[in-house]
Protein backbone atom coordinates (compact mmCIF):
# COMPACT_ATOMS: atom_id res chain seq x y z
CA UNK A 1 0.77 26.53 3.91
CA UNK A 2 -0.65 23.74 6.11
CA UNK A 3 -0.50 23.25 9.81
CA UNK A 4 2.58 21.10 10.80
CA UNK A 5 2.97 19.90 14.21
CA UNK A 6 5.78 20.79 16.38
CA UNK A 7 7.53 17.33 15.89
CA UNK A 8 7.52 17.35 12.30
CA UNK A 9 8.75 20.92 12.47
CA UNK A 10 11.66 19.89 14.71
CA UNK A 11 12.00 16.80 12.38
CA UNK A 12 12.54 18.84 9.31
CA UNK A 13 16.05 20.33 10.76
CA UNK A 14 18.96 18.79 9.48
CA UNK A 15 21.21 19.18 12.76
CA UNK A 16 18.77 16.90 14.73
CA UNK A 17 19.64 14.01 12.89
CA UNK A 18 22.52 11.67 13.74
CA UNK A 19 24.23 11.52 10.18
CA UNK A 20 25.61 14.27 7.73
CA UNK A 21 22.35 15.81 6.32
CA UNK A 22 22.14 19.02 4.42
CA UNK A 23 18.35 19.19 3.56
CA UNK A 24 15.16 17.19 4.95
CA UNK A 25 11.92 16.59 2.54
CA UNK A 26 8.66 15.91 3.64
CA UNK A 27 6.64 13.44 2.01
CA UNK A 28 3.17 12.71 3.84
CA UNK A 29 0.65 9.63 3.49
CA UNK A 30 -2.74 9.68 5.55
CA UNK A 31 -1.13 7.87 8.25
CA UNK A 32 2.79 9.01 8.20
CA UNK A 33 5.30 11.50 8.05
CA UNK A 34 7.87 10.53 5.81
CA UNK A 35 11.31 12.35 6.18
CA UNK A 36 14.10 12.11 3.34
CA UNK A 37 17.56 12.92 4.02
CA UNK A 38 19.39 12.09 1.04
CA UNK A 39 21.13 8.68 2.35
CA UNK A 40 18.31 7.37 4.82
CA UNK A 41 14.24 7.74 5.13
CA UNK A 42 12.49 8.20 8.49
CA UNK A 43 8.83 7.45 8.91
CA UNK A 44 7.20 8.30 11.85
CA UNK A 45 3.50 7.17 11.97
CA UNK A 46 0.55 10.06 12.78
CA UNK A 47 -1.44 9.75 15.87
CA UNK A 48 -4.60 8.89 13.99
CA UNK A 49 -7.37 6.32 14.40
CA UNK A 50 -8.67 6.16 11.02
CA UNK A 51 -11.21 2.97 11.87
CA UNK A 52 -8.81 0.31 10.25
CA UNK A 53 -5.97 1.45 11.97
CA UNK A 54 -5.17 2.84 15.21
CA UNK A 55 -1.75 4.84 16.24
CA UNK A 56 -3.18 6.84 18.84
CA UNK A 57 -0.74 6.11 21.35
CA UNK A 58 3.08 5.99 21.40
CA UNK A 59 2.91 2.32 22.48
CA UNK A 60 0.87 1.36 19.45
CA UNK A 61 3.11 3.43 17.04
CA UNK A 62 6.23 1.56 18.46
CA UNK A 63 4.23 -1.64 18.09
CA UNK A 64 3.38 -1.07 14.62
CA UNK A 65 6.86 0.41 13.85
CA UNK A 66 8.68 -3.08 14.73
CA UNK A 67 5.74 -4.68 12.55
CA UNK A 68 6.58 -2.66 9.78
CA UNK A 69 10.29 -3.65 10.12
CA UNK A 70 9.74 -7.21 10.47
CA UNK A 71 7.16 -7.61 7.76
CA UNK A 72 8.92 -5.31 5.14
CA UNK A 73 12.30 -7.43 5.36
CA UNK A 74 10.46 -10.17 3.74
CA UNK A 75 10.68 -8.65 0.34
CA UNK A 76 13.12 -5.95 0.98
CA UNK A 77 15.69 -6.91 3.86
CA UNK A 78 18.44 -4.57 2.63
CA UNK A 79 16.55 -1.46 2.77
CA UNK A 80 14.63 -1.49 6.23
CA UNK A 81 17.27 -0.96 8.74
CA UNK A 82 15.88 -0.35 12.52
CA UNK A 83 13.25 1.50 14.52
CA UNK A 84 15.13 4.63 16.58
CA UNK A 85 13.53 6.28 19.01
CA UNK A 86 12.82 10.35 18.79
CA UNK A 87 13.77 12.08 22.28
CA UNK A 88 13.39 15.23 23.77
CA UNK A 89 15.68 16.94 26.54
CA UNK A 90 14.42 19.95 27.45
CA UNK A 91 13.62 22.27 24.29
CA UNK A 92 16.00 20.04 22.00
CA UNK A 93 14.46 17.38 19.78
CA UNK A 94 16.94 14.31 18.29
CA UNK A 95 17.03 11.32 16.80
CA UNK A 96 18.78 8.60 18.68
CA UNK A 97 19.75 10.58 21.17
CA UNK A 98 19.45 10.71 25.09
CA UNK A 99 16.38 12.27 26.70
CA UNK A 100 12.38 11.29 27.05
CA UNK A 101 11.30 9.04 24.07
CA UNK A 102 8.32 11.19 22.58
CA UNK A 103 8.11 8.96 18.98
CA UNK A 104 9.39 6.26 17.27
CA UNK A 105 10.86 6.67 13.49
CA UNK A 106 11.31 3.67 11.24
CA UNK A 107 14.71 3.89 9.68
CA UNK A 108 15.28 2.91 6.10
CA UNK A 109 17.93 3.26 3.28
CA UNK A 110 16.55 6.01 0.85
CA UNK A 111 15.85 4.25 -2.50
CA UNK A 112 16.39 6.22 -6.01
CA UNK A 113 13.12 7.86 -6.82
CA UNK A 114 13.88 7.75 -10.40
CA UNK A 115 14.13 3.99 -10.20
CA UNK A 116 10.25 3.52 -8.90
CA UNK A 117 8.11 1.59 -11.07
CA UNK A 118 5.66 4.16 -11.33
CA UNK A 119 8.16 6.81 -12.40
CA UNK A 120 9.39 4.43 -15.05
CA UNK A 121 5.99 3.34 -16.17
CA UNK A 122 5.63 7.27 -16.93
CA UNK A 123 9.00 7.40 -18.72
CA UNK A 124 8.05 4.04 -20.91
CA UNK A 125 11.04 2.47 -19.39
CA UNK A 126 9.42 -0.65 -17.93
CA UNK A 127 10.30 -3.87 -20.09
CA UNK A 128 8.40 -7.15 -20.32
CA UNK A 129 11.38 -8.55 -18.89
CA UNK A 130 11.17 -6.39 -15.61
CA UNK A 131 7.81 -7.29 -15.16
CA UNK A 132 8.59 -10.96 -15.58
CA UNK A 133 11.31 -10.65 -12.64
CA UNK A 134 8.83 -8.99 -10.71
CA UNK A 135 6.31 -11.61 -11.33
CA UNK A 136 8.89 -14.54 -10.30
CA UNK A 137 9.99 -12.99 -7.37
CA UNK A 138 6.15 -12.59 -6.14
CA UNK A 139 5.71 -16.18 -6.78
CA UNK A 140 8.41 -17.10 -4.47
CA UNK A 141 7.30 -14.80 -1.86
CA UNK A 142 3.58 -16.27 -1.97
CA UNK A 143 5.00 -19.66 -1.80
CA UNK A 144 6.73 -19.23 1.29
CA UNK A 145 4.46 -16.85 2.89
CA UNK A 146 2.75 -17.55 5.87
CA UNK A 147 -0.78 -19.54 5.74
CA UNK A 148 -3.06 -21.25 8.36
CA UNK A 149 -6.97 -21.81 8.96
CA UNK A 150 -7.29 -18.71 10.25
CA UNK A 151 -5.23 -16.75 7.57
CA UNK A 152 -7.32 -18.99 4.86
CA UNK A 153 -10.59 -17.66 6.44
CA UNK A 154 -9.84 -14.53 5.02
CA UNK A 155 -10.58 -16.20 1.58
CA UNK A 156 -13.97 -16.86 2.36
CA UNK A 157 -17.12 -15.40 0.87
CA UNK A 158 -18.23 -13.65 4.37
CA UNK A 159 -14.96 -12.03 4.68
CA UNK A 160 -14.69 -10.81 1.10
CA UNK A 161 -18.29 -9.75 1.30
CA UNK A 162 -17.50 -7.72 4.46
CA UNK A 163 -14.42 -6.13 2.72
CA UNK A 164 -16.21 -5.17 -0.11
CA UNK A 165 -19.40 -3.81 2.01
CA UNK A 166 -16.78 -1.71 4.06
CA UNK A 167 -15.67 -0.05 1.04
CA UNK A 168 -18.77 0.99 -0.28
CA UNK A 169 -19.82 2.19 3.24
CA UNK A 170 -16.80 4.27 3.39
CA UNK A 171 -16.96 5.95 0.06
CA UNK A 172 -20.96 6.85 0.67
CA UNK A 173 -19.66 10.15 2.02
CA UNK A 174 -17.70 10.96 -1.42
CA UNK A 175 -20.77 10.37 -3.59
CA UNK A 176 -20.86 13.30 -6.24
CA UNK A 177 -17.38 14.22 -5.12
CA UNK A 178 -14.93 11.72 -6.32
CA UNK A 179 -17.31 8.95 -7.53
CA UNK A 180 -20.74 9.36 -9.17
CA UNK A 181 -23.81 7.73 -7.61
CA UNK A 182 -23.82 5.87 -10.90
CA UNK A 183 -20.47 4.46 -10.61
CA UNK A 184 -20.95 3.66 -7.10
CA UNK A 185 -24.31 1.63 -8.05
CA UNK A 186 -22.67 -0.06 -10.98
CA UNK A 187 -19.76 -1.23 -9.13
CA UNK A 188 -21.62 -2.44 -6.18
CA UNK A 189 -24.24 -4.40 -8.28
CA UNK A 190 -21.38 -6.07 -10.15
CA UNK A 191 -19.45 -6.90 -6.72
CA UNK A 192 -22.42 -8.32 -5.20
CA UNK A 193 -23.29 -10.65 -8.11
CA UNK A 194 -20.00 -11.92 -8.91
CA UNK A 195 -19.28 -13.09 -4.97
CA UNK A 196 -22.68 -14.58 -4.78
CA UNK A 197 -22.45 -16.39 -8.52
CA UNK A 198 -18.71 -17.62 -7.59
CA UNK A 199 -18.85 -19.32 -3.92
CA UNK A 200 -17.54 -22.32 -5.13
CA UNK A 201 -14.65 -20.72 -6.67
CA UNK A 202 -13.48 -18.85 -3.68
CA UNK A 203 -14.11 -21.82 -1.46
CA UNK A 204 -11.75 -23.81 -3.86
CA UNK A 205 -9.10 -21.07 -3.31
CA UNK A 206 -9.28 -21.83 0.06
CA UNK A 207 -8.81 -25.68 -0.26
CA UNK A 208 -5.72 -24.87 -2.83
CA UNK A 209 -3.83 -23.13 -0.06
CA UNK A 210 -3.96 -19.62 -2.20
CA UNK A 211 -4.75 -17.45 0.79
CA UNK A 212 -1.57 -16.33 2.15
CA UNK A 213 0.03 -13.47 4.33
CA UNK A 214 0.47 -11.33 1.56
CA UNK A 215 2.01 -7.76 0.90
CA UNK A 216 -1.33 -6.16 1.07
CA UNK A 217 -0.41 -2.73 -0.72
CA UNK A 218 1.36 -3.75 -3.77
CA UNK A 219 1.07 -0.99 -6.38
CA UNK A 220 3.86 0.36 -8.89
CA UNK A 221 5.23 3.00 -6.30
CA UNK A 222 6.20 0.22 -4.18
CA UNK A 223 8.68 -1.18 -6.26
CA UNK A 224 12.29 0.04 -7.13
CA UNK A 225 14.51 -1.49 -9.61
CA UNK A 226 17.64 -0.95 -7.86
CA UNK A 227 20.26 -3.12 -6.58
CA UNK A 228 18.00 -5.92 -7.98
CA UNK A 229 14.06 -5.45 -7.03
CA UNK A 230 12.84 -3.86 -4.19
CA UNK A 231 9.11 -4.41 -3.02
CA UNK A 232 8.47 -2.28 0.16
CA UNK A 233 5.82 -0.70 2.40
CA UNK A 234 3.97 -3.47 2.83
CA UNK A 235 0.79 -3.09 5.23
CA UNK A 236 1.65 -3.64 8.98
CA UNK A 237 -1.26 -2.09 10.54
CA UNK A 238 -4.30 -4.56 9.96
CA UNK A 239 -3.59 -8.00 9.29
CA UNK A 240 -6.72 -8.86 7.66
CA UNK A 241 -5.70 -6.32 4.69
CA UNK A 242 -2.53 -8.46 4.12
CA UNK A 243 -4.37 -11.85 4.19
CA UNK A 244 -6.01 -12.70 1.01
CA UNK A 245 -5.71 -14.45 -2.17
CA UNK A 246 -2.40 -14.19 -4.29
CA UNK A 247 -4.75 -13.41 -6.85
CA UNK A 248 -5.76 -10.35 -5.34
CA UNK A 249 -2.29 -9.18 -4.73
CA UNK A 250 -1.45 -9.95 -8.44
CA UNK A 251 -4.50 -8.02 -9.77
CA UNK A 252 -3.71 -4.97 -7.52
CA UNK A 253 -0.32 -4.32 -9.64
CA UNK A 254 -1.69 -5.45 -12.58
CA UNK A 255 -4.78 -2.89 -12.17
CA UNK A 256 -1.89 -0.15 -11.29
CA UNK A 257 0.02 -0.87 -14.26
CA UNK A 258 -3.24 -0.48 -16.29
CA UNK A 259 -3.72 2.91 -14.28
CA UNK A 260 -0.29 4.02 -15.80
CA UNK A 261 -1.57 3.30 -19.06
CA UNK A 262 0.62 -0.01 -19.98
CA UNK A 263 -2.07 -2.78 -20.29
CA UNK A 264 -0.05 -5.27 -22.72
CA UNK A 265 2.69 -4.84 -19.45
CA UNK A 266 -0.12 -5.52 -17.18
CA UNK A 267 -1.02 -8.67 -19.23
CA UNK A 268 2.20 -9.88 -19.54
CA UNK A 269 2.66 -9.50 -15.79
CA UNK A 270 -0.27 -11.93 -15.34
CA UNK A 271 0.67 -14.35 -17.40
CA UNK A 272 4.43 -14.45 -16.21
CA UNK A 273 2.89 -15.36 -12.72
CA UNK A 274 0.43 -17.86 -13.83
CA UNK A 275 3.09 -19.35 -15.91
CA UNK A 276 5.74 -19.62 -13.06
CA UNK A 277 3.04 -20.27 -10.37
CA UNK A 278 0.84 -22.94 -12.56
CA UNK A 279 -2.26 -21.01 -10.94
CA UNK A 280 -4.53 -21.08 -13.99
CA UNK A 281 -7.50 -20.19 -11.95
CA UNK A 282 -6.35 -16.98 -10.93
CA UNK A 283 -7.44 -15.67 -14.51
CA UNK A 284 -11.14 -16.45 -13.49
CA UNK A 285 -10.49 -13.68 -10.64
CA UNK A 286 -8.41 -11.22 -11.93
CA UNK A 287 -10.88 -8.71 -13.43
CA UNK A 288 -12.91 -9.00 -10.08
CA UNK A 289 -9.82 -8.37 -7.93
CA UNK A 290 -8.71 -5.34 -10.40
CA UNK A 291 -12.10 -3.98 -9.80
CA UNK A 292 -11.78 -4.29 -5.93
CA UNK A 293 -8.00 -2.85 -5.91
CA UNK A 294 -9.22 -0.16 -8.11
CA UNK A 295 -11.84 0.98 -5.74
CA UNK A 296 -9.73 0.88 -2.70
CA UNK A 297 -7.27 3.00 -4.35
CA UNK A 298 -9.92 5.37 -5.27
CA UNK A 299 -11.29 5.46 -1.63
CA UNK A 300 -7.79 5.88 -0.25
CA UNK A 301 -7.11 8.85 -2.38
CA UNK A 302 -10.50 10.18 -1.01
CA UNK A 303 -9.74 9.81 2.41
CA UNK A 304 -6.87 12.42 1.67
CA UNK A 305 -9.26 14.91 0.74
CA UNK A 306 -10.21 14.96 4.92
CA UNK A 307 -6.35 15.37 5.90
CA UNK A 308 -5.93 18.99 7.61
CA UNK A 309 -2.26 18.52 7.00
CA UNK A 310 -2.40 18.39 3.15
CA UNK A 311 -2.63 21.59 0.97
CA UNK A 312 -5.48 22.49 -1.02
CA UNK A 313 -3.02 22.25 -4.51
CA UNK A 314 -2.37 18.72 -3.56
CA UNK A 315 -5.83 17.71 -2.70
CA UNK A 316 -6.88 18.92 -6.27
CA UNK A 317 -4.46 16.29 -7.75
CA UNK A 318 -5.85 13.90 -5.03
CA UNK A 319 -8.91 14.53 -6.32
CA UNK A 320 -7.97 13.64 -9.80
CA UNK A 321 -6.03 10.56 -8.94
CA UNK A 322 -8.99 9.19 -6.75
CA UNK A 323 -11.66 9.71 -9.69
CA UNK A 324 -9.45 8.00 -12.25
CA UNK A 325 -9.38 4.98 -9.90
CA UNK A 326 -12.78 4.83 -9.68
CA UNK A 327 -13.45 4.93 -13.56
CA UNK A 328 -10.81 2.29 -13.71
CA UNK A 329 -12.49 -0.06 -11.49
CA UNK A 330 -15.77 0.55 -13.40
CA UNK A 331 -14.07 -0.12 -16.77
CA UNK A 332 -13.55 -4.08 -15.54
CA UNK A 333 -16.93 -4.57 -15.32
C-alpha cells in the first residue's frame, strides 16, 4: 500500500463530510487527490511543483481551486458547486467546519461513471449522433471562448515549436521505458518538419481568430452523457495549455476516440465539427495535432511512473497506456 499523507487518510473517513456519506473512494491524478462520496466529489490539489504547474503553497492551491471552478463552469456549470475549506481543530479535521484552514477542495456533483464517454466507447455504446452533439457543443463553446492578441500569440510557430520541444525534452528520461529511441526520433523529425513547412498556415489560423481560450484537456474521460453533455476537468493551472488552435482541441478528442479503437466515430466527430463551424482548414492540421496530443498523453502517463503515491500495480497499467499513446502518435505520421 503506497504512503498517503495524514490529510488524505483523514478525508477517507466518512465522518469528516458535512453530509451523509457511507464510503469514500480515493482516485489520484499526478496533481490531485479526488474523493468520491456518492453524491459529491471533493478534489484536493497535491502540494507539488511539476514545472508546468506550482501548487506548493496553500495560497496557490486556493487560487487554482477558484480558477478550476470558474473555468469549468463554462462547459459544465451544473456540476461545479463551490470551493470549500478543509479545517483542523485540535486533532480533528473537517470539511466546511470551524478551525484553522489547512487545505481547500473543489466540491462537485458526482457524475455517473458508467456514462463517461471512455466507458461507453469501451462498450460500443457511443453513437454517431452522440459525437455530433459533442461537436456542436464545442463549436458553440469555441465561438464564445475568449480570444485576444495575447491568446492569439499562442498559435504562433514560435510557441508551438516551444511546446513541442518541451514535450521532447520532458520525455528523454523515459527513452527505453515508455517510448523507444526510434519512436522518439521519428516523431520529433515529423513534428519539426511540419512546423517548418507550414508557417503560413499557422499564421493564417491566427488571422482567422482560431486561437481561443479552450478546454485544454479534451479527452473522452472528461465527457459525461448524463443530463445533457457535461465536459469537465479543463486545465486551470497553466493558461498556455488552454490557449491554442481549436483544431488542436478537436484533434485531442478525435485522437482519444482513436485510442479507444473507434476510428470511424473519430472521423464523424471531426466532420461534424467542420460542417457546423465551416472551418475547412482544420482538416489540414488534424493529423499533426493528433500526433502532438497523443504524445502529450504518453508523456503525462509516463510522469505517473515517478509518483510515490501510485502503487506498483497501477504503474504497470500506466506504463502500458503510455506506450499505447506513443505508438498512436507515431501512427499519424
